[in-house]
Amino acid sequence: MYKRQVLVAAVTLIQAMVALLCTLAGSWLAFPMVISSVVSTILATWAALDVWVTRQVWNQRNGVVSVPSSTARALRRERRRARRQERSAQRARTRIGRGGGAGQLSHP
């Protein structure tokens, strides 16, 4: 991902240097090189923004947590614990409601 950004920035700097040298030398290539340098600068800015936005979206979708004892992990652990307790309570309720109880020795 960074390779594209570095490549575009390097090409932009080379074009800017060539445009400067052409301008100093009075060459006819100076104007086209200045135009291409402006376009390259816009593209380099776009490439940097693209990399930044892509990383932000990836982090948002995948929920990167860098610290092992983070708040997010603790919240997930707490939610898991609550779900487990709810499931065990549900199982206990279904066991009670089955009809098996005192005085019944076998299934009807």
Protein backbone atom coordinates (compact mmCIF):
# COMPACT_ATOMS: atom_id res chain seq x y z
CA MET A 1 0.00 0.00 0.00
CA TYR A 2 2.83 2.38 0.84
CA LYS A 3 4.74 1.48 -2.32
CA ARG A 4 2.20 3.22 -4.52
CA GLN A 5 2.32 6.37 -2.41
CA VAL A 6 6.14 6.43 -2.38
CA LEU A 7 6.30 5.82 -6.12
CA VAL A 8 3.88 8.65 -6.95
CA ALA A 9 5.72 11.03 -4.59
CA ALA A 10 9.10 10.14 -6.13
CA VAL A 11 7.81 10.73 -9.69
CA THR A 12 6.32 14.05 -8.58
CA LEU A 13 9.62 15.22 -7.10
CA ILE A 14 11.54 14.17 -10.22
CA GLN A 15 9.08 16.03 -12.43
CA ALA A 16 9.32 19.15 -10.27
CA MET A 17 13.13 19.06 -10.50
CA VAL A 18 13.06 18.60 -14.28
CA ALA A 19 10.55 21.47 -14.58
CA LEU A 20 12.84 23.71 -12.51
CA LEU A 21 15.92 22.80 -14.56
CA CYS A 22 14.03 23.33 -17.85
CA THR A 23 12.83 26.72 -16.62
CA LEU A 24 16.35 27.76 -15.63
CA ALA A 25 17.73 26.57 -18.98
CA GLY A 26 14.99 28.38 -20.90
CA SER A 27 13.88 25.17 -22.64
CA TRP A 28 10.56 24.79 -24.43
CA LEU A 29 9.85 21.78 -22.18
CA ALA A 30 9.48 24.04 -19.14
CA PHE A 31 5.76 24.75 -19.57
CA PRO A 32 4.66 21.13 -20.20
CA MET A 33 6.80 19.97 -17.28
CA VAL A 34 5.27 22.55 -14.93
CA ILE A 35 1.78 21.43 -15.99
CA SER A 36 2.68 17.76 -15.46
CA SER A 37 4.21 18.62 -12.08
CA VAL A 38 0.97 20.26 -10.98
CA VAL A 39 -1.02 17.22 -12.13
CA SER A 40 1.44 14.89 -10.39
CA THR A 41 1.15 16.88 -7.17
CA ILE A 42 -2.62 16.48 -7.29
CA LEU A 43 -2.20 12.73 -7.93
CA ALA A 44 0.32 12.40 -5.08
CA THR A 45 -2.10 14.10 -2.71
CA TRP A 46 -4.87 11.80 -3.92
CA ALA A 47 -2.66 8.73 -3.43
CA ALA A 48 -1.77 9.78 0.13
CA LEU A 49 -5.43 10.38 0.96
CA ASP A 50 -6.37 7.04 -0.62
CA VAL A 51 -3.87 5.18 1.55
CA TRP A 52 -5.01 7.02 4.68
CA VAL A 53 -8.72 6.44 4.01
CA THR A 54 -8.13 2.78 3.14
CA ARG A 55 -6.30 2.24 6.43
CA GLN A 56 -9.04 4.02 8.38
CA VAL A 57 -11.77 1.91 6.77
CA TRP A 58 -9.82 -1.32 7.39
CA ASN A 59 -9.27 -0.40 11.04
CA GLN A 60 -12.93 0.49 11.46
CA ARG A 61 -14.20 -2.74 9.88
CA ASN A 62 -11.76 -5.08 11.59
CA GLY A 63 -11.68 -3.31 14.94
CA VAL A 64 -7.95 -3.36 15.52
CA VAL A 65 -7.15 -3.52 19.22
CA SER A 66 -3.45 -3.12 19.87
CA VAL A 67 -3.35 -3.55 23.64
CA PRO A 68 -4.23 -7.02 24.99
CA SER A 69 -5.97 -5.70 28.11
CA SER A 70 -7.98 -3.13 26.23
CA THR A 71 -11.43 -1.88 27.02
CA ALA A 72 -12.92 -3.46 23.88
CA ARG A 73 -11.61 -6.89 24.79
CA ALA A 74 -12.88 -6.56 28.35
CA LEU A 75 -16.32 -5.56 27.05
CA ARG A 76 -16.41 -8.57 24.72
CA ARG A 77 -15.43 -10.83 27.62
CA GLU A 78 -18.19 -9.33 29.77
CA ARG A 79 -20.78 -9.80 27.01
CA ARG A 80 -19.71 -13.43 26.56
CA ARG A 81 -20.03 -14.03 30.30
CA ALA A 82 -23.52 -12.49 30.31
CA ARG A 83 -24.59 -14.65 27.34
CA ARG A 84 -23.30 -17.79 29.07
CA GLN A 85 -25.22 -16.95 32.22
CA GLU A 86 -28.38 -16.27 30.21
CA ARG A 87 -28.05 -19.62 28.40
CA SER A 88 -27.53 -21.53 31.64
CA ALA A 89 -30.54 -19.77 33.19
CA GLN A 90 -32.61 -20.68 30.11
CA ARG A 91 -31.52 -24.32 30.39
CA ALA A 92 -32.44 -24.38 34.07
CA ARG A 93 -35.89 -22.95 33.26
CA THR A 94 -36.54 -25.58 30.59
CA ARG A 95 -35.44 -28.35 32.97
CA ILE A 96 -37.87 -27.13 35.60
CA GLY A 97 -40.73 -26.84 33.11
CA ARG A 98 -40.40 -30.36 31.63
CA GLY A 99 -42.81 -31.92 34.06
CA GLY A 100 -40.39 -34.38 35.62
CA GLY A 101 -40.43 -34.02 39.32
CA ALA A 102 -41.15 -35.68 42.67
CA GLY A 103 -43.21 -38.84 42.58
CA GLN A 104 -42.61 -39.74 38.93
CA LEU A 105 -40.46 -42.85 38.68
CA SER A 106 -40.36 -43.37 34.93
CA HIS A 107 -41.54 -41.86 31.70
CA PRO A 108 -45.26 -42.31 30.89
